[in-house]
Amino acid sequence: MQQLLRSGCSVTFGVEAVLATTIPPYCSDLAFQEMSRLHNLAFLRRYISKFDIECFIAIFLSTLFSLRCV
């Protein structure tokens, strides 16, 4: 994921960028810390709180998603 973000590529669904983790946020602070770090890396250091990712939705990539490099 880090390499993908550094390269300027993003996984999108329509016009929305998608971030995902395999560890549910409620199971560990590690998942929250990693999601926060990736979010801030992808979206110009905008901080997010635990409240922002309190719930999560599992998204599996399919042909509906597109990989975009800028």
PDB file of N, CA and C in Angstrom:
ATOM      1  N   MET A   1       0.827  -1.185   0.000  1.00  0.00           N
ATOM      2  CA  MET A   1       0.000   0.000   0.000  1.00  0.00           C
ATOM      3  C   MET A   1       0.874   1.253   0.000  1.00  0.00           C
ATOM      4  N   GLN A   2       1.928   1.248   0.836  1.00  0.00           N
ATOM      5  CA  GLN A   2       2.809   2.416   0.877  1.00  0.00           C
ATOM      6  C   GLN A   2       3.434   2.685  -0.481  1.00  0.00           C
ATOM      7  N   GLN A   3       3.898   1.630  -1.135  1.00  0.00           N
ATOM      8  CA  GLN A   3       4.521   1.778  -2.452  1.00  0.00           C
ATOM      9  C   GLN A   3       3.513   2.324  -3.457  1.00  0.00           C
ATOM     10  N   LEU A   4       2.290   1.838  -3.390  1.00  0.00           N
ATOM     11  CA  LEU A   4       1.231   2.303  -4.280  1.00  0.00           C
ATOM     12  C   LEU A   4       0.968   3.789  -4.073  1.00  0.00           C
ATOM     13  N   LEU A   5       0.893   4.229  -2.809  1.00  0.00           N
ATOM     14  CA  LEU A   5       0.636   5.637  -2.517  1.00  0.00           C
ATOM     15  C   LEU A   5       1.807   6.517  -2.927  1.00  0.00           C
ATOM     16  N   ARG A   6       3.026   6.056  -2.664  1.00  0.00           N
ATOM     17  CA  ARG A   6       4.208   6.848  -3.030  1.00  0.00           C
ATOM     18  C   ARG A   6       4.342   7.018  -4.539  1.00  0.00           C
ATOM     19  N   SER A   7       3.877   6.026  -5.295  1.00  0.00           N
ATOM     20  CA  SER A   7       3.993   6.088  -6.749  1.00  0.00           C
ATOM     21  C   SER A   7       2.955   7.015  -7.374  1.00  0.00           C
ATOM     22  N   GLY A   8       2.016   7.506  -6.549  1.00  0.00           N
ATOM     23  CA  GLY A   8       0.978   8.384  -7.082  1.00  0.00           C
ATOM     24  C   GLY A   8      -0.219   7.622  -7.597  1.00  0.00           C
ATOM     25  N   CYS A   9      -0.245   6.306  -7.383  1.00  0.00           N
ATOM     26  CA  CYS A   9      -1.374   5.486  -7.813  1.00  0.00           C
ATOM     27  C   CYS A   9      -2.384   5.376  -6.677  1.00  0.00           C
ATOM     28  N   SER A  10      -3.621   5.184  -7.036  1.00  0.00           N
ATOM     29  CA  SER A  10      -4.640   4.945  -6.020  1.00  0.00           C
ATOM     30  C   SER A  10      -5.677   3.986  -6.563  1.00  0.00           C
ATOM     31  N   VAL A  11      -6.291   3.242  -5.673  1.00  0.00           N
ATOM     32  CA  VAL A  11      -7.393   2.375  -6.043  1.00  0.00           C
ATOM     33  C   VAL A  11      -8.661   3.195  -5.861  1.00  0.00           C
ATOM     34  N   THR A  12      -9.475   3.270  -6.897  1.00  0.00           N
ATOM     35  CA  THR A  12     -10.678   4.095  -6.815  1.00  0.00           C
ATOM     36  C   THR A  12     -11.921   3.290  -7.143  1.00  0.00           C
ATOM     37  N   PHE A  13     -13.034   3.754  -6.628  1.00  0.00           N
ATOM     38  CA  PHE A  13     -14.349   3.238  -6.980  1.00  0.00           C
ATOM     39  C   PHE A  13     -15.128   4.453  -7.440  1.00  0.00           C
ATOM     40  N   GLY A  14     -15.334   4.583  -8.743  1.00  0.00           N
ATOM     41  CA  GLY A  14     -15.894   5.828  -9.269  1.00  0.00           C
ATOM     42  C   GLY A  14     -14.844   6.911  -9.122  1.00  0.00           C
ATOM     43  N   VAL A  15     -15.179   7.976  -8.393  1.00  0.00           N
ATOM     44  CA  VAL A  15     -14.213   9.053  -8.179  1.00  0.00           C
ATOM     45  C   VAL A  15     -13.636   9.035  -6.769  1.00  0.00           C
ATOM     46  N   GLU A  16     -14.049   8.081  -5.933  1.00  0.00           N
ATOM     47  CA  GLU A  16     -13.610   8.024  -4.543  1.00  0.00           C
ATOM     48  C   GLU A  16     -12.394   7.115  -4.377  1.00  0.00           C
ATOM     49  N   ALA A  17     -11.375   7.606  -3.673  1.00  0.00           N
ATOM     50  CA  ALA A  17     -10.212   6.775  -3.349  1.00  0.00           C
ATOM     51  C   ALA A  17     -10.604   5.799  -2.245  1.00  0.00           C
ATOM     52  N   VAL A  18      -9.994   4.628  -2.252  1.00  0.00           N
ATOM     53  CA  VAL A  18     -10.343   3.577  -1.296  1.00  0.00           C
ATOM     54  C   VAL A  18      -9.111   3.184  -0.491  1.00  0.00           C
ATOM     55  N   LEU A  19      -9.249   3.136   0.841  1.00  0.00           N
ATOM     56  CA  LEU A  19      -8.222   2.589   1.721  1.00  0.00           C
ATOM     57  C   LEU A  19      -8.828   1.397   2.442  1.00  0.00           C
ATOM     58  N   ALA A  20      -8.028   0.395   2.731  1.00  0.00           N
ATOM     59  CA  ALA A  20      -8.565  -0.787   3.407  1.00  0.00           C
ATOM     60  C   ALA A  20      -7.527  -1.396   4.335  1.00  0.00           C
ATOM     61  N   THR A  21      -8.007  -2.110   5.334  1.00  0.00           N
ATOM     62  CA  THR A  21      -7.150  -2.869   6.234  1.00  0.00           C
ATOM     63  C   THR A  21      -7.781  -4.232   6.468  1.00  0.00           C
ATOM     64  N   THR A  22      -6.948  -5.228   6.718  1.00  0.00           N
ATOM     65  CA  THR A  22      -7.497  -6.557   6.989  1.00  0.00           C
ATOM     66  C   THR A  22      -7.741  -6.770   8.474  1.00  0.00           C
ATOM     67  N   ILE A  23      -7.305  -5.822   9.316  1.00  0.00           N
ATOM     68  CA  ILE A  23      -7.529  -5.925  10.756  1.00  0.00           C
ATOM     69  C   ILE A  23      -8.662  -4.976  11.132  1.00  0.00           C
ATOM     70  N   PRO A  24      -9.799  -5.479  11.613  1.00  0.00           N
ATOM     71  CA  PRO A  24     -10.896  -4.595  11.993  1.00  0.00           C
ATOM     72  C   PRO A  24     -10.442  -3.583  13.048  1.00  0.00           C
ATOM     73  N   PRO A  25     -10.827  -2.312  12.922  1.00  0.00           N
ATOM     74  CA  PRO A  25     -10.383  -1.269  13.851  1.00  0.00           C
ATOM     75  C   PRO A  25     -10.677  -1.570  15.316  1.00  0.00           C
ATOM     76  N   TYR A  26     -11.745  -2.290  15.593  1.00  0.00           N
ATOM     77  CA  TYR A  26     -12.095  -2.540  16.989  1.00  0.00           C
ATOM     78  C   TYR A  26     -11.244  -3.629  17.632  1.00  0.00           C
ATOM     79  N   CYS A  27     -10.445  -4.344  16.866  1.00  0.00           N
ATOM     80  CA  CYS A  27      -9.639  -5.442  17.413  1.00  0.00           C
ATOM     81  C   CYS A  27      -8.301  -4.974  17.963  1.00  0.00           C
ATOM     82  N   SER A  28      -7.802  -3.876  17.477  1.00  0.00           N
ATOM     83  CA  SER A  28      -6.447  -3.482  17.848  1.00  0.00           C
ATOM     84  C   SER A  28      -6.208  -2.013  17.530  1.00  0.00           C
ATOM     85  N   ASP A  29      -5.414  -1.356  18.385  1.00  0.00           N
ATOM     86  CA  ASP A  29      -5.002   0.012  18.072  1.00  0.00           C
ATOM     87  C   ASP A  29      -4.061   0.039  16.879  1.00  0.00           C
ATOM     88  N   LEU A  30      -3.415  -1.091  16.600  1.00  0.00           N
ATOM     89  CA  LEU A  30      -2.518  -1.171  15.452  1.00  0.00           C
ATOM     90  C   LEU A  30      -3.265  -0.878  14.158  1.00  0.00           C
ATOM     91  N   ALA A  31      -4.459  -1.426  14.017  1.00  0.00           N
ATOM     92  CA  ALA A  31      -5.242  -1.177  12.805  1.00  0.00           C
ATOM     93  C   ALA A  31      -5.572   0.307  12.682  1.00  0.00           C
ATOM     94  N   PHE A  32      -5.960   0.942  13.785  1.00  0.00           N
ATOM     95  CA  PHE A  32      -6.264   2.374  13.752  1.00  0.00           C
ATOM     96  C   PHE A  32      -5.022   3.179  13.382  1.00  0.00           C
ATOM     97  N   GLN A  33      -3.899   2.854  13.996  1.00  0.00           N
ATOM     98  CA  GLN A  33      -2.663   3.585  13.709  1.00  0.00           C
ATOM     99  C   GLN A  33      -2.258   3.440  12.245  1.00  0.00           C
ATOM    100  N   GLU A  34      -2.387   2.238  11.711  1.00  0.00           N
ATOM    101  CA  GLU A  34      -2.016   2.004  10.313  1.00  0.00           C
ATOM    102  C   GLU A  34      -2.971   2.718   9.363  1.00  0.00           C
ATOM    103  N   MET A  35      -4.270   2.652   9.635  1.00  0.00           N
ATOM    104  CA  MET A  35      -5.245   3.345   8.792  1.00  0.00           C
ATOM    105  C   MET A  35      -5.013   4.852   8.845  1.00  0.00           C
ATOM    106  N   SER A  36      -4.725   5.388  10.035  1.00  0.00           N
ATOM    107  CA  SER A  36      -4.447   6.822  10.166  1.00  0.00           C
ATOM    108  C   SER A  36      -3.217   7.211   9.361  1.00  0.00           C
ATOM    109  N   ARG A  37      -2.165   6.402   9.476  1.00  0.00           N
ATOM    110  CA  ARG A  37      -0.918   6.692   8.755  1.00  0.00           C
ATOM    111  C   ARG A  37      -1.139   6.668   7.247  1.00  0.00           C
ATOM    112  N   LEU A  38      -1.831   5.635   6.755  1.00  0.00           N
ATOM    113  CA  LEU A  38      -2.091   5.538   5.322  1.00  0.00           C
ATOM    114  C   LEU A  38      -3.013   6.653   4.847  1.00  0.00           C
ATOM    115  N   HIS A  39      -4.019   6.977   5.640  1.00  0.00           N
ATOM    116  CA  HIS A  39      -4.933   8.068   5.285  1.00  0.00           C
ATOM    117  C   HIS A  39      -4.163   9.375   5.174  1.00  0.00           C
ATOM    118  N   ASN A  40      -3.322   9.660   6.165  1.00  0.00           N
ATOM    119  CA  ASN A  40      -2.559  10.905   6.163  1.00  0.00           C
ATOM    120  C   ASN A  40      -1.541  10.946   5.028  1.00  0.00           C
ATOM    121  N   LEU A  41      -1.002   9.797   4.655  1.00  0.00           N
ATOM    122  CA  LEU A  41      -0.079   9.721   3.523  1.00  0.00           C
ATOM    123  C   LEU A  41      -0.816   9.979   2.207  1.00  0.00           C
ATOM    124  N   ALA A  42      -1.999   9.424   2.082  1.00  0.00           N
ATOM    125  CA  ALA A  42      -2.766   9.547   0.841  1.00  0.00           C
ATOM    126  C   ALA A  42      -3.451  10.894   0.698  1.00  0.00           C
ATOM    127  N   PHE A  43      -3.867  11.477   1.803  1.00  0.00           N
ATOM    128  CA  PHE A  43      -4.677  12.687   1.742  1.00  0.00           C
ATOM    129  C   PHE A  43      -4.000  13.875   2.404  1.00  0.00           C
ATOM    130  N   LEU A  44      -2.731  14.062   2.132  1.00  0.00           N
ATOM    131  CA  LEU A  44      -1.972  15.249   2.530  1.00  0.00           C
ATOM    132  C   LEU A  44      -2.014  15.545   4.021  1.00  0.00           C
ATOM    133  N   ARG A  45      -1.783  14.512   4.831  1.00  0.00           N
ATOM    134  CA  ARG A  45      -1.600  14.662   6.276  1.00  0.00           C
ATOM    135  C   ARG A  45      -2.828  15.156   7.039  1.00  0.00           C
ATOM    136  N   ARG A  46      -4.011  14.964   6.511  1.00  0.00           N
ATOM    137  CA  ARG A  46      -5.215  15.317   7.275  1.00  0.00           C
ATOM    138  C   ARG A  46      -5.410  14.265   8.352  1.00  0.00           C
ATOM    139  N   TYR A  47      -5.369  14.665   9.613  1.00  0.00           N
ATOM    140  CA  TYR A  47      -5.498  13.733  10.735  1.00  0.00           C
ATOM    141  C   TYR A  47      -6.918  13.189  10.826  1.00  0.00           C
ATOM    142  N   ILE A  48      -7.032  11.911  11.170  1.00  0.00           N
ATOM    143  CA  ILE A  48      -8.344  11.336  11.446  1.00  0.00           C
ATOM    144  C   ILE A  48      -8.331  10.772  12.860  1.00  0.00           C
ATOM    145  N   SER A  49      -9.495  10.744  13.496  1.00  0.00           N
ATOM    146  CA  SER A  49      -9.599  10.227  14.859  1.00  0.00           C
ATOM    147  C   SER A  49     -10.197   8.832  14.836  1.00  0.00           C
ATOM    148  N   LYS A  50     -10.195   8.166  15.994  1.00  0.00           N
ATOM    149  CA  LYS A  50     -10.795   6.835  16.086  1.00  0.00           C
ATOM    150  C   LYS A  50     -12.267   6.885  15.692  1.00  0.00           C
ATOM    151  N   PHE A  51     -12.928   7.974  16.014  1.00  0.00           N
ATOM    152  CA  PHE A  51     -14.346   8.123  15.677  1.00  0.00           C
ATOM    153  C   PHE A  51     -14.566   8.026  14.165  1.00  0.00           C
ATOM    154  N   ASP A  52     -13.606   8.530  13.381  1.00  0.00           N
ATOM    155  CA  ASP A  52     -13.733   8.526  11.918  1.00  0.00           C
ATOM    156  C   ASP A  52     -13.736   7.122  11.326  1.00  0.00           C
ATOM    157  N   ILE A  53     -13.059   6.187  11.985  1.00  0.00           N
ATOM    158  CA  ILE A  53     -13.021   4.817  11.457  1.00  0.00           C
ATOM    159  C   ILE A  53     -13.552   3.822  12.487  1.00  0.00           C
ATOM    160  N   GLU A  54     -14.497   4.272  13.286  1.00  0.00           N
ATOM    161  CA  GLU A  54     -15.074   3.417  14.318  1.00  0.00           C
ATOM    162  C   GLU A  54     -15.731   2.181  13.701  1.00  0.00           C
ATOM    163  N   CYS A  55     -16.379   2.359  12.587  1.00  0.00           N
ATOM    164  CA  CYS A  55     -16.999   1.253  11.858  1.00  0.00           C
ATOM    165  C   CYS A  55     -16.211   1.043  10.574  1.00  0.00           C
ATOM    166  N   PHE A  56     -16.323  -0.116  10.002  1.00  0.00           N
ATOM    167  CA  PHE A  56     -15.621  -0.357   8.751  1.00  0.00           C
ATOM    168  C   PHE A  56     -16.466  -1.240   7.858  1.00  0.00           C
ATOM    169  N   ILE A  57     -16.171  -1.180   6.588  1.00  0.00           N
ATOM    170  CA  ILE A  57     -16.831  -2.010   5.586  1.00  0.00           C
ATOM    171  C   ILE A  57     -15.739  -2.763   4.847  1.00  0.00           C
ATOM    172  N   ALA A  58     -15.902  -4.053   4.700  1.00  0.00           N
ATOM    173  CA  ALA A  58     -14.929  -4.850   3.945  1.00  0.00           C
ATOM    174  C   ALA A  58     -15.195  -4.658   2.462  1.00  0.00           C
ATOM    175  N   ILE A  59     -14.169  -4.273   1.723  1.00  0.00           N
ATOM    176  CA  ILE A  59     -14.285  -4.061   0.284  1.00  0.00           C
ATOM    177  C   ILE A  59     -13.230  -4.931  -0.394  1.00  0.00           C
ATOM    178  N   PHE A  60     -13.665  -5.755  -1.300  1.00  0.00           N
ATOM    179  CA  PHE A  60     -12.744  -6.590  -2.053  1.00  0.00           C
ATOM    180  C   PHE A  60     -12.687  -6.070  -3.484  1.00  0.00           C
ATOM    181  N   LEU A  61     -11.477  -5.876  -3.986  1.00  0.00           N
ATOM    182  CA  LEU A  61     -11.314  -5.319  -5.326  1.00  0.00           C
ATOM    183  C   LEU A  61     -11.905  -6.242  -6.383  1.00  0.00           C
ATOM    184  N   SER A  62     -12.516  -5.643  -7.375  1.00  0.00           N
ATOM    185  CA  SER A  62     -13.062  -6.383  -8.508  1.00  0.00           C
ATOM    186  C   SER A  62     -12.870  -5.520  -9.749  1.00  0.00           C
ATOM    187  N   THR A  63     -13.472  -5.910 -10.840  1.00  0.00           N
ATOM    188  CA  THR A  63     -13.354  -5.123 -12.067  1.00  0.00           C
ATOM    189  C   THR A  63     -14.093  -3.796 -11.969  1.00  0.00           C
ATOM    190  N   LEU A  64     -14.905  -3.598 -10.921  1.00  0.00           N
ATOM    191  CA  LEU A  64     -15.584  -2.314 -10.732  1.00  0.00           C
ATOM    192  C   LEU A  64     -14.611  -1.228 -10.287  1.00  0.00           C
ATOM    193  N   PHE A  65     -13.443  -1.642  -9.769  1.00  0.00           N
ATOM    194  CA  PHE A  65     -12.440  -0.696  -9.302  1.00  0.00           C
ATOM    195  C   PHE A  65     -11.441  -0.425 -10.418  1.00  0.00           C
ATOM    196  N   SER A  66     -10.810   0.730 -10.345  1.00  0.00           N
ATOM    197  CA  SER A  66      -9.778   1.044 -11.332  1.00  0.00           C
ATOM    198  C   SER A  66      -8.529   1.534 -10.617  1.00  0.00           C
ATOM    199  N   LEU A  67      -7.370   1.243 -11.175  1.00  0.00           N
ATOM    200  CA  LEU A  67      -6.101   1.699 -10.640  1.00  0.00           C
ATOM    201  C   LEU A  67      -5.690   2.919 -11.446  1.00  0.00           C
ATOM    202  N   ARG A  68      -5.457   4.029 -10.746  1.00  0.00           N
ATOM    203  CA  ARG A  68      -5.162   5.279 -11.430  1.00  0.00           C
ATOM    204  C   ARG A  68      -3.821   5.797 -10.945  1.00  0.00           C
ATOM    205  N   CYS A  69      -2.940   6.126 -11.863  1.00  0.00           N
ATOM    206  CA  CYS A  69      -1.647   6.710 -11.524  1.00  0.00           C
ATOM    207  C   CYS A  69      -1.606   8.134 -12.056  1.00  0.00           C
ATOM    208  N   VAL A  70      -1.092   9.039 -11.194  1.00  0.00           N
ATOM    209  CA  VAL A  70      -0.993  10.444 -11.610  1.00  0.00           C
ATOM    210  C   VAL A  70       0.455  10.850 -11.756  1.00  0.00           C
TER     211      VAL A  70
END
